[in-house]
Amino acid sequence: MTPAARAVFWAGATNYDWLVPGRRHGEAMHAVDRLLNLYNCCDPVLRFYPRVAGSDALGMVGMPASWLGGEAPRYVQRNVCGEVGRLHLTRNYALNPAMMAATRKYLLWQDV
């Protein structure tokens, strides 16, 4: 049975390795059909995330899909620094046609 949920992270403030099996959210990929991680290596706010959490943020550095083992095909990521710029603002994603097209594709199951 295929999970009925999909997720999109916009500059996600979670540790970059927490989706890996055996880590804090290691079972999360079992609950989603697909997860799209739009990370921004230029994000000035997430640059400070390690001071708070002790690890880089998934929303700044991404994560190798291979770390997810058999769940890897359901994880897709893209560095959007050049598309949303250096500000950590929701509007930079929400008002960007490319970001909204990618988000719609995943959340509305338009790629099925």
Protein backbone atom coordinates (compact mmCIF):
# COMPACT_ATOMS: atom_id res chain seq x y z
CA MET A 1 0.00 0.00 0.00
CA THR A 2 1.38 3.40 -1.02
CA PRO A 3 1.38 6.12 1.67
CA ALA A 4 -1.23 8.79 0.98
CA ALA A 5 0.83 11.80 2.06
CA ARG A 6 3.42 13.98 0.38
CA ALA A 7 5.61 16.68 1.85
CA VAL A 8 7.63 19.66 0.67
CA PHE A 9 10.24 21.36 2.82
CA TRP A 10 11.07 25.00 2.10
CA ALA A 11 14.39 25.73 3.86
CA GLY A 12 13.59 23.11 6.49
CA ALA A 13 14.93 23.79 9.97
CA THR A 14 15.64 20.23 11.00
CA ASN A 15 18.97 18.45 11.36
CA TYR A 16 20.25 17.33 7.97
CA ASP A 17 20.52 13.68 9.02
CA TRP A 18 17.30 13.22 11.01
CA LEU A 19 15.46 11.47 8.14
CA VAL A 20 18.10 8.75 8.04
CA PRO A 21 16.90 5.37 9.39
CA GLY A 22 17.80 5.06 13.05
CA ARG A 23 17.85 8.83 13.63
CA ARG A 24 15.23 11.07 15.25
CA HIS A 25 12.80 11.08 12.27
CA GLY A 26 14.12 7.92 10.66
CA GLU A 27 10.66 6.44 10.14
CA ALA A 28 9.23 9.54 8.44
CA MET A 29 9.96 8.40 4.89
CA HIS A 30 7.75 5.34 5.47
CA ALA A 31 4.80 7.71 5.92
CA VAL A 32 5.18 9.66 2.67
CA ASP A 33 4.83 8.79 -0.97
CA ARG A 34 7.38 11.49 -1.80
CA LEU A 35 9.27 14.27 -0.08
CA LEU A 36 10.68 17.28 -1.91
CA ASN A 37 13.41 19.18 -0.06
CA LEU A 38 13.97 22.67 -1.46
CA TYR A 39 17.13 23.69 0.34
CA ASN A 40 19.00 26.98 0.13
CA CYS A 41 22.75 26.96 0.67
CA CYS A 42 22.67 30.80 0.70
CA ASP A 43 20.17 31.09 3.58
CA PRO A 44 21.68 33.46 6.17
CA VAL A 45 19.32 32.40 8.97
CA LEU A 46 19.94 28.67 8.61
CA ARG A 47 23.67 29.39 8.66
CA PHE A 48 23.21 29.86 12.43
CA TYR A 49 21.20 26.66 12.91
CA PRO A 50 24.24 24.65 14.12
CA ARG A 51 24.65 27.05 17.06
CA VAL A 52 21.18 26.09 18.24
CA ALA A 53 20.92 22.46 17.19
CA GLY A 54 24.53 21.30 16.96
CA SER A 55 24.14 20.20 13.34
CA ASP A 56 23.64 21.71 9.90
CA ALA A 57 20.05 22.23 8.78
CA LEU A 58 18.52 20.06 6.08
CA GLY A 59 17.22 23.28 4.55
CA MET A 60 20.72 24.61 4.06
CA VAL A 61 22.88 21.64 3.10
CA GLY A 62 20.44 19.00 1.87
CA MET A 63 21.19 15.32 2.36
CA PRO A 64 22.45 12.53 0.10
CA ALA A 65 19.41 10.48 -0.89
CA SER A 66 21.55 7.34 -0.67
CA TRP A 67 21.48 7.69 3.13
CA LEU A 68 17.82 6.66 3.00
CA GLY A 69 18.52 3.20 1.60
CA GLY A 70 15.42 1.73 0.00
CA GLU A 71 13.46 4.92 0.61
CA ALA A 72 15.86 7.01 -1.52
CA PRO A 73 13.71 7.05 -4.69
CA ARG A 74 10.97 8.88 -2.76
CA TYR A 75 13.31 11.71 -1.71
CA VAL A 76 14.08 14.53 -4.13
CA GLN A 77 15.97 17.70 -3.38
CA ARG A 78 17.04 20.85 -5.15
CA ASN A 79 19.30 23.73 -4.16
CA VAL A 80 17.21 26.85 -4.80
CA CYS A 81 19.72 29.52 -3.79
CA GLY A 82 19.78 31.04 -7.26
CA GLU A 83 15.99 31.06 -7.45
CA VAL A 84 14.91 32.43 -4.05
CA GLY A 85 17.97 34.46 -3.07
CA ARG A 86 19.63 35.06 0.24
CA LEU A 87 16.64 35.93 2.40
CA HIS A 88 14.92 33.45 4.73
CA LEU A 89 11.42 34.54 3.80
CA THR A 90 8.38 32.42 3.00
CA ARG A 91 7.33 34.94 0.38
CA ASN A 92 10.50 34.22 -1.61
CA TYR A 93 9.12 30.72 -2.12
CA ALA A 94 5.39 31.48 -2.26
CA LEU A 95 5.75 34.29 -4.82
CA ASN A 96 8.25 32.44 -6.99
CA PRO A 97 6.54 30.67 -9.92
CA ALA A 98 9.19 27.93 -10.12
CA MET A 99 8.95 27.15 -6.38
CA MET A 100 5.16 27.05 -6.48
CA ALA A 101 5.16 24.87 -9.60
CA ALA A 102 7.48 22.37 -7.89
CA THR A 103 5.39 22.49 -4.71
CA ARG A 104 2.13 22.00 -6.61
CA LYS A 105 3.59 19.11 -8.59
CA TYR A 106 4.32 17.23 -5.38
CA LEU A 107 1.46 18.19 -3.12
CA LEU A 108 -1.27 17.90 -5.74
CA TRP A 109 0.11 14.64 -7.17
CA GLN A 110 0.51 16.19 -10.64
CA ASP A 111 3.43 13.93 -11.49
CA VAL A 112 1.47 10.68 -11.18
